[in-house]
Amino acid sequence: MDLSNAVKAKSDQLNAIDLVGGPIVIKITGVADIGNDDIAVSYEHDNNRPWKPSKTELRTLIRFWGKESDVYIGRSVKLWCNPKVKWAGTEVGG
């Protein structure tokens, strides 16, 4: 029996836990404003679970690609989980 579906995160977005197996490269297909200054990045084969980049990640994208999201379409970005990321002083990964 294939157990891979049993360990998938039950969420409406890409999560750090989805990246513990190693980095992934996503090809961007769309960028949407989802309110409260939050952004959802759709990508090929996202299964309706977009990447919702943090403010720091957005600042990095703007630094390299500019502030107009139209130019992001068709570009690729590598995402990974850093196990050393801390929250409230505890390493939680992110």
N, C-alpha and C. Protein backbone atom coordinates (compact mmCIF):
# COMPACT_ATOMS: atom_id res chain seq x y z
N MET A 1 0.84 -1.16 0.00
CA MET A 1 0.00 0.00 0.00
C MET A 1 0.90 1.24 0.00
N ASP A 2 0.55 2.23 -0.84
CA ASP A 2 1.27 3.50 -0.93
C ASP A 2 0.78 4.42 0.18
N LEU A 3 1.67 4.80 1.09
CA LEU A 3 1.31 5.63 2.24
C LEU A 3 1.51 7.12 2.01
N SER A 4 1.98 7.52 0.83
CA SER A 4 2.33 8.92 0.60
C SER A 4 1.15 9.88 0.77
N ASN A 5 -0.05 9.49 0.42
CA ASN A 5 -1.21 10.37 0.61
C ASN A 5 -1.53 10.58 2.08
N ALA A 6 -1.23 9.61 2.92
CA ALA A 6 -1.54 9.71 4.34
C ALA A 6 -0.67 10.74 5.06
N VAL A 7 0.48 11.10 4.51
CA VAL A 7 1.38 12.04 5.18
C VAL A 7 1.32 13.45 4.58
N LYS A 8 0.51 13.66 3.56
CA LYS A 8 0.39 14.99 2.96
C LYS A 8 -0.29 15.94 3.94
N ALA A 9 0.23 17.17 4.00
CA ALA A 9 -0.37 18.18 4.86
C ALA A 9 -1.77 18.50 4.37
N LYS A 10 -2.70 18.63 5.31
CA LYS A 10 -4.07 19.00 4.96
C LYS A 10 -4.18 20.51 5.10
N SER A 11 -3.95 21.18 4.00
CA SER A 11 -3.90 22.62 4.01
C SER A 11 -4.25 23.15 2.63
N ASP A 12 -4.60 24.44 2.58
CA ASP A 12 -4.91 25.06 1.30
C ASP A 12 -3.71 25.77 0.69
N GLN A 13 -2.51 25.50 1.24
CA GLN A 13 -1.31 26.14 0.73
C GLN A 13 -0.10 25.22 0.88
N LEU A 14 0.96 25.55 0.17
CA LEU A 14 2.23 24.85 0.32
C LEU A 14 2.79 25.17 1.70
N ASN A 15 3.25 24.17 2.42
CA ASN A 15 3.78 24.34 3.77
C ASN A 15 5.23 23.89 3.83
N ALA A 16 5.94 24.35 4.86
CA ALA A 16 7.33 23.95 5.06
C ALA A 16 7.46 22.43 5.14
N ILE A 17 6.50 21.79 5.76
CA ILE A 17 6.54 20.32 5.90
C ILE A 17 6.56 19.64 4.53
N ASP A 18 6.01 20.29 3.51
CA ASP A 18 6.01 19.72 2.16
C ASP A 18 7.41 19.71 1.56
N LEU A 19 8.34 20.41 2.20
CA LEU A 19 9.69 20.56 1.65
C LEU A 19 10.75 19.79 2.44
N VAL A 20 10.35 19.02 3.44
CA VAL A 20 11.34 18.30 4.24
C VAL A 20 12.06 17.22 3.45
N GLY A 21 11.47 16.75 2.38
CA GLY A 21 12.12 15.74 1.55
C GLY A 21 13.19 16.31 0.65
N GLY A 22 13.32 17.62 0.65
CA GLY A 22 14.30 18.29 -0.19
C GLY A 22 13.68 19.46 -0.92
N PRO A 23 14.52 20.29 -1.54
CA PRO A 23 14.02 21.46 -2.23
C PRO A 23 13.18 21.09 -3.45
N ILE A 24 12.31 22.03 -3.84
CA ILE A 24 11.55 21.87 -5.07
C ILE A 24 11.72 23.13 -5.91
N VAL A 25 11.60 22.99 -7.20
CA VAL A 25 11.62 24.12 -8.11
C VAL A 25 10.22 24.24 -8.67
N ILE A 26 9.63 25.44 -8.51
CA ILE A 26 8.28 25.65 -9.03
C ILE A 26 8.33 26.65 -10.19
N LYS A 27 7.47 26.42 -11.18
CA LYS A 27 7.33 27.35 -12.30
C LYS A 27 6.04 28.13 -12.09
N ILE A 28 6.17 29.43 -11.94
CA ILE A 28 5.05 30.30 -11.59
C ILE A 28 4.08 30.45 -12.75
N THR A 29 2.79 30.28 -12.44
CA THR A 29 1.74 30.43 -13.45
C THR A 29 0.81 31.60 -13.15
N GLY A 30 0.86 32.13 -11.94
CA GLY A 30 0.01 33.26 -11.59
C GLY A 30 0.36 33.83 -10.23
N VAL A 31 0.00 35.10 -10.03
CA VAL A 31 0.20 35.77 -8.76
C VAL A 31 -1.09 36.52 -8.45
N ALA A 32 -1.65 36.29 -7.26
CA ALA A 32 -2.92 36.91 -6.89
C ALA A 32 -2.83 37.59 -5.53
N ASP A 33 -3.50 38.73 -5.42
CA ASP A 33 -3.65 39.43 -4.15
C ASP A 33 -4.83 38.77 -3.44
N ILE A 34 -4.60 38.21 -2.26
CA ILE A 34 -5.68 37.52 -1.56
C ILE A 34 -6.17 38.31 -0.35
N GLY A 35 -5.82 39.59 -0.30
CA GLY A 35 -6.28 40.46 0.76
C GLY A 35 -5.28 40.61 1.88
N ASN A 36 -5.42 41.67 2.63
CA ASN A 36 -4.54 41.97 3.76
C ASN A 36 -3.07 42.00 3.36
N ASP A 37 -2.82 42.45 2.13
CA ASP A 37 -1.46 42.50 1.58
C ASP A 37 -0.80 41.14 1.50
N ASP A 38 -1.58 40.07 1.45
CA ASP A 38 -1.05 38.73 1.27
C ASP A 38 -1.14 38.33 -0.20
N ILE A 39 -0.18 37.53 -0.64
CA ILE A 39 -0.06 37.12 -2.03
C ILE A 39 -0.09 35.61 -2.11
N ALA A 40 -0.78 35.09 -3.14
CA ALA A 40 -0.78 33.65 -3.43
C ALA A 40 -0.14 33.45 -4.79
N VAL A 41 0.88 32.62 -4.84
CA VAL A 41 1.59 32.32 -6.08
C VAL A 41 1.18 30.93 -6.54
N SER A 42 0.50 30.86 -7.68
CA SER A 42 0.16 29.55 -8.24
C SER A 42 1.32 29.10 -9.12
N TYR A 43 1.43 27.80 -9.25
CA TYR A 43 2.54 27.23 -10.02
C TYR A 43 2.10 25.91 -10.63
N GLU A 44 2.85 25.46 -11.62
CA GLU A 44 2.51 24.21 -12.30
C GLU A 44 2.40 23.08 -11.29
N HIS A 45 1.34 22.30 -11.42
CA HIS A 45 1.10 21.12 -10.59
C HIS A 45 0.94 21.46 -9.11
N ASP A 46 0.34 22.60 -8.80
CA ASP A 46 0.19 23.00 -7.39
C ASP A 46 -1.00 22.36 -6.68
N ASN A 47 -1.84 21.64 -7.42
CA ASN A 47 -3.00 20.97 -6.83
C ASN A 47 -3.84 21.92 -5.97
N ASN A 48 -4.00 23.15 -6.46
CA ASN A 48 -4.77 24.19 -5.77
C ASN A 48 -4.22 24.49 -4.37
N ARG A 49 -2.92 24.32 -4.20
CA ARG A 49 -2.25 24.65 -2.94
C ARG A 49 -1.12 25.63 -3.26
N PRO A 50 -1.45 26.93 -3.39
CA PRO A 50 -0.45 27.91 -3.80
C PRO A 50 0.62 28.12 -2.74
N TRP A 51 1.71 28.71 -3.19
CA TRP A 51 2.77 29.17 -2.30
C TRP A 51 2.38 30.57 -1.85
N LYS A 52 2.36 30.79 -0.55
CA LYS A 52 2.05 32.11 0.01
C LYS A 52 3.32 32.65 0.65
N PRO A 53 4.13 33.36 -0.15
CA PRO A 53 5.44 33.80 0.35
C PRO A 53 5.33 34.78 1.51
N SER A 54 6.30 34.70 2.40
CA SER A 54 6.39 35.64 3.53
C SER A 54 6.79 37.02 3.02
N LYS A 55 6.72 38.00 3.88
CA LYS A 55 7.14 39.36 3.51
C LYS A 55 8.61 39.37 3.08
N THR A 56 9.46 38.63 3.79
CA THR A 56 10.88 38.57 3.43
C THR A 56 11.06 37.92 2.06
N GLU A 57 10.32 36.86 1.79
CA GLU A 57 10.41 36.21 0.48
C GLU A 57 9.93 37.15 -0.62
N LEU A 58 8.86 37.89 -0.35
CA LEU A 58 8.37 38.86 -1.35
C LEU A 58 9.39 39.97 -1.60
N ARG A 59 10.02 40.44 -0.54
CA ARG A 59 11.05 41.47 -0.70
C ARG A 59 12.20 40.96 -1.58
N THR A 60 12.56 39.71 -1.39
CA THR A 60 13.62 39.11 -2.20
C THR A 60 13.21 39.02 -3.66
N LEU A 61 11.98 38.56 -3.92
CA LEU A 61 11.49 38.49 -5.30
C LEU A 61 11.48 39.87 -5.94
N ILE A 62 11.01 40.88 -5.22
CA ILE A 62 10.97 42.24 -5.76
C ILE A 62 12.38 42.74 -6.05
N ARG A 63 13.31 42.42 -5.18
CA ARG A 63 14.69 42.87 -5.40
C ARG A 63 15.26 42.35 -6.71
N PHE A 64 14.97 41.08 -7.02
CA PHE A 64 15.55 40.46 -8.21
C PHE A 64 14.69 40.60 -9.46
N TRP A 65 13.38 40.54 -9.30
CA TRP A 65 12.49 40.53 -10.47
C TRP A 65 11.67 41.79 -10.64
N GLY A 66 11.67 42.66 -9.67
CA GLY A 66 10.90 43.89 -9.76
C GLY A 66 9.55 43.78 -9.08
N LYS A 67 8.83 44.91 -9.04
CA LYS A 67 7.58 44.97 -8.29
C LYS A 67 6.35 44.57 -9.09
N GLU A 68 6.48 44.41 -10.40
CA GLU A 68 5.34 44.04 -11.24
C GLU A 68 5.25 42.52 -11.38
N SER A 69 4.19 41.95 -10.84
CA SER A 69 4.07 40.48 -10.80
C SER A 69 3.90 39.85 -12.18
N ASP A 70 3.50 40.61 -13.17
CA ASP A 70 3.32 40.04 -14.52
C ASP A 70 4.60 39.39 -15.05
N VAL A 71 5.76 39.93 -14.66
CA VAL A 71 7.02 39.37 -15.16
C VAL A 71 7.39 38.07 -14.47
N TYR A 72 6.70 37.72 -13.39
CA TYR A 72 7.00 36.49 -12.67
C TYR A 72 6.48 35.25 -13.39
N ILE A 73 5.43 35.43 -14.19
CA ILE A 73 4.80 34.31 -14.89
C ILE A 73 5.82 33.63 -15.80
N GLY A 74 5.93 32.31 -15.66
CA GLY A 74 6.87 31.54 -16.48
C GLY A 74 8.25 31.40 -15.85
N ARG A 75 8.53 32.16 -14.81
CA ARG A 75 9.82 32.06 -14.14
C ARG A 75 9.76 30.96 -13.08
N SER A 76 10.93 30.49 -12.71
CA SER A 76 11.02 29.41 -11.72
C SER A 76 11.76 29.89 -10.48
N VAL A 77 11.39 29.31 -9.35
CA VAL A 77 12.03 29.62 -8.08
C VAL A 77 12.22 28.32 -7.31
N LYS A 78 13.35 28.23 -6.61
CA LYS A 78 13.66 27.05 -5.81
C LYS A 78 13.26 27.32 -4.36
N LEU A 79 12.47 26.41 -3.79
CA LEU A 79 12.01 26.54 -2.41
C LEU A 79 12.56 25.39 -1.58
N TRP A 80 12.93 25.67 -0.34
CA TRP A 80 13.42 24.62 0.54
C TRP A 80 13.04 24.97 1.98
N CYS A 81 13.17 23.98 2.84
CA CYS A 81 12.89 24.16 4.26
C CYS A 81 14.22 24.17 5.01
N ASN A 82 14.46 25.22 5.75
CA ASN A 82 15.65 25.33 6.58
C ASN A 82 15.28 24.86 7.99
N PRO A 83 15.80 23.73 8.44
CA PRO A 83 15.42 23.20 9.76
C PRO A 83 15.89 24.07 10.92
N LYS A 84 16.76 25.04 10.68
CA LYS A 84 17.30 25.90 11.73
C LYS A 84 16.44 27.13 12.01
N VAL A 85 15.39 27.36 11.23
CA VAL A 85 14.52 28.52 11.46
C VAL A 85 13.87 28.39 12.83
N LYS A 86 13.90 29.50 13.59
CA LYS A 86 13.36 29.49 14.94
C LYS A 86 12.06 30.28 15.03
N TRP A 87 11.19 29.84 15.91
CA TRP A 87 9.98 30.56 16.28
C TRP A 87 9.89 30.50 17.79
N ALA A 88 9.77 31.65 18.42
CA ALA A 88 9.72 31.75 19.89
C ALA A 88 10.92 31.06 20.53
N GLY A 89 12.10 31.16 19.87
CA GLY A 89 13.32 30.61 20.43
C GLY A 89 13.54 29.13 20.21
N THR A 90 12.60 28.47 19.54
CA THR A 90 12.71 27.04 19.30
C THR A 90 12.86 26.77 17.81
N GLU A 91 13.80 25.88 17.44
CA GLU A 91 13.96 25.50 16.04
C GLU A 91 12.74 24.72 15.59
N VAL A 92 12.03 25.27 14.62
CA VAL A 92 10.81 24.62 14.11
C VAL A 92 10.91 24.35 12.61
N GLY A 93 11.89 24.95 11.96
CA GLY A 93 12.02 24.80 10.51
C GLY A 93 11.09 25.74 9.79
N GLY A 94 11.49 26.10 8.59
CA GLY A 94 10.64 26.99 7.80
C GLY A 94 11.30 27.41 6.53
